[in-house]
Amino acid sequence: MAMNEKLDPELATKLRDFLKKNHIDRKRIVIDVESETIELEPVEDLEEILSAPPDFTEEEAAQAIDNIRRSREEWA
């Protein structure tokens, strides 16, 4: 059974800032202090999936846009 502890508001703000800077936008995460890792909970909410920013390089983004354009031309 998991125990939940209330975070200090200042610590919560610092954690949110850290997560935002590292592009971690999941609502639930597990921080393993011993192994020094952050485990992202699986995304189950469709709105959360659609709102997550893609993590593309400029080249990958250009390729994705080209693929979308070609697909639209083929569908027309």
C-alpha atoms as a PDB file:
ATOM      1  CA  MET A   1       0.000   0.000   0.000  1.00  0.00           C
ATOM      2  CA  ALA A   2       1.462   3.340  -1.063  1.00  0.00           C
ATOM      3  CA  MET A   3       1.768   6.157   1.436  1.00  0.00           C
ATOM      4  CA  ASN A   4       1.133   9.671   0.247  1.00  0.00           C
ATOM      5  CA  GLU A   5       2.818  12.610   1.925  1.00  0.00           C
ATOM      6  CA  LYS A   6       1.975  16.261   1.273  1.00  0.00           C
ATOM      7  CA  LEU A   7       4.870  18.167  -0.315  1.00  0.00           C
ATOM      8  CA  ASP A   8       6.104  21.459   1.007  1.00  0.00           C
ATOM      9  CA  PRO A   9       4.711  24.119  -1.423  1.00  0.00           C
ATOM     10  CA  GLU A  10       8.204  25.524  -2.086  1.00  0.00           C
ATOM     11  CA  LEU A  11       9.559  22.047  -2.880  1.00  0.00           C
ATOM     12  CA  ALA A  12       6.554  21.339  -5.121  1.00  0.00           C
ATOM     13  CA  THR A  13       7.249  24.539  -7.070  1.00  0.00           C
ATOM     14  CA  LYS A  14      10.933  23.608  -7.479  1.00  0.00           C
ATOM     15  CA  LEU A  15      10.002  20.112  -8.664  1.00  0.00           C
ATOM     16  CA  ARG A  16       7.524  21.506 -11.217  1.00  0.00           C
ATOM     17  CA  ASP A  17      10.188  23.903 -12.502  1.00  0.00           C
ATOM     18  CA  PHE A  18      12.719  21.065 -12.805  1.00  0.00           C
ATOM     19  CA  LEU A  19      10.241  18.835 -14.638  1.00  0.00           C
ATOM     20  CA  LYS A  20       9.230  21.649 -16.994  1.00  0.00           C
ATOM     21  CA  LYS A  21      12.886  22.440 -17.818  1.00  0.00           C
ATOM     22  CA  ASN A  22      13.426  18.760 -18.645  1.00  0.00           C
ATOM     23  CA  HIS A  23      10.284  18.542 -20.781  1.00  0.00           C
ATOM     24  CA  ILE A  24       8.583  16.090 -18.441  1.00  0.00           C
ATOM     25  CA  ASP A  25       4.900  16.865 -18.605  1.00  0.00           C
ATOM     26  CA  ARG A  26       3.275  13.712 -17.263  1.00  0.00           C
ATOM     27  CA  LYS A  27       0.848  14.120 -14.416  1.00  0.00           C
ATOM     28  CA  ARG A  28       2.289  11.157 -12.492  1.00  0.00           C
ATOM     29  CA  ILE A  29       5.944  10.179 -12.118  1.00  0.00           C
ATOM     30  CA  VAL A  30       7.953   7.968  -9.779  1.00  0.00           C
ATOM     31  CA  ILE A  31      11.229   9.353  -8.473  1.00  0.00           C
ATOM     32  CA  ASP A  32      13.636   6.626  -7.380  1.00  0.00           C
ATOM     33  CA  VAL A  33      16.219   8.383  -5.231  1.00  0.00           C
ATOM     34  CA  GLU A  34      18.360   5.263  -4.807  1.00  0.00           C
ATOM     35  CA  SER A  35      18.833   4.636  -8.534  1.00  0.00           C
ATOM     36  CA  GLU A  36      18.577   8.375  -9.324  1.00  0.00           C
ATOM     37  CA  THR A  37      15.911   7.904 -11.992  1.00  0.00           C
ATOM     38  CA  ILE A  38      12.503   9.289 -12.873  1.00  0.00           C
ATOM     39  CA  GLU A  39       9.963   6.772 -14.126  1.00  0.00           C
ATOM     40  CA  LEU A  40       7.173   8.183 -16.243  1.00  0.00           C
ATOM     41  CA  GLU A  41       3.778   6.636 -15.688  1.00  0.00           C
ATOM     42  CA  PRO A  42       2.127   5.313 -18.861  1.00  0.00           C
ATOM     43  CA  VAL A  43      -0.138   7.829 -20.555  1.00  0.00           C
ATOM     44  CA  GLU A  44      -3.719   6.622 -20.612  1.00  0.00           C
ATOM     45  CA  ASP A  45      -5.572   9.872 -21.213  1.00  0.00           C
ATOM     46  CA  LEU A  46      -5.999  10.711 -24.909  1.00  0.00           C
ATOM     47  CA  GLU A  47      -6.051  14.455 -24.195  1.00  0.00           C
ATOM     48  CA  GLU A  48      -2.699  14.144 -22.421  1.00  0.00           C
ATOM     49  CA  ILE A  49      -1.232  12.286 -25.392  1.00  0.00           C
ATOM     50  CA  LEU A  50      -2.466  14.907 -27.851  1.00  0.00           C
ATOM     51  CA  SER A  51      -1.307  17.836 -25.715  1.00  0.00           C
ATOM     52  CA  ALA A  52       2.261  16.542 -25.274  1.00  0.00           C
ATOM     53  CA  PRO A  53       4.725  18.464 -27.416  1.00  0.00           C
ATOM     54  CA  PRO A  54       6.601  16.287 -29.897  1.00  0.00           C
ATOM     55  CA  ASP A  55      10.324  15.986 -29.325  1.00  0.00           C
ATOM     56  CA  PHE A  56      11.593  16.386 -32.902  1.00  0.00           C
ATOM     57  CA  THR A  57      14.877  17.664 -34.211  1.00  0.00           C
ATOM     58  CA  GLU A  58      14.533  20.282 -36.945  1.00  0.00           C
ATOM     59  CA  GLU A  59      15.350  17.645 -39.563  1.00  0.00           C
ATOM     60  CA  GLU A  60      12.761  15.207 -38.167  1.00  0.00           C
ATOM     61  CA  ALA A  61      10.141  17.956 -38.038  1.00  0.00           C
ATOM     62  CA  ALA A  62      10.798  18.906 -41.667  1.00  0.00           C
ATOM     63  CA  GLN A  63      10.556  15.262 -42.694  1.00  0.00           C
ATOM     64  CA  ALA A  64       7.281  14.843 -40.785  1.00  0.00           C
ATOM     65  CA  ILE A  65       5.823  17.928 -42.500  1.00  0.00           C
ATOM     66  CA  ASP A  66       6.896  16.587 -45.900  1.00  0.00           C
ATOM     67  CA  ASN A  67       5.266  13.240 -45.122  1.00  0.00           C
ATOM     68  CA  ILE A  68       2.033  14.961 -44.117  1.00  0.00           C
ATOM     69  CA  ARG A  69       2.024  17.064 -47.298  1.00  0.00           C
ATOM     70  CA  ARG A  70       2.608  13.989 -49.483  1.00  0.00           C
ATOM     71  CA  SER A  71      -0.122  12.063 -47.676  1.00  0.00           C
ATOM     72  CA  ARG A  72      -2.597  14.914 -48.163  1.00  0.00           C
ATOM     73  CA  GLU A  73      -1.750  15.083 -51.868  1.00  0.00           C
ATOM     74  CA  GLU A  74      -2.322  11.331 -52.188  1.00  0.00           C
ATOM     75  CA  TRP A  75      -5.669  11.531 -50.391  1.00  0.00           C
ATOM     76  CA  ALA A  76      -6.905  14.393 -52.593  1.00  0.00           C
END
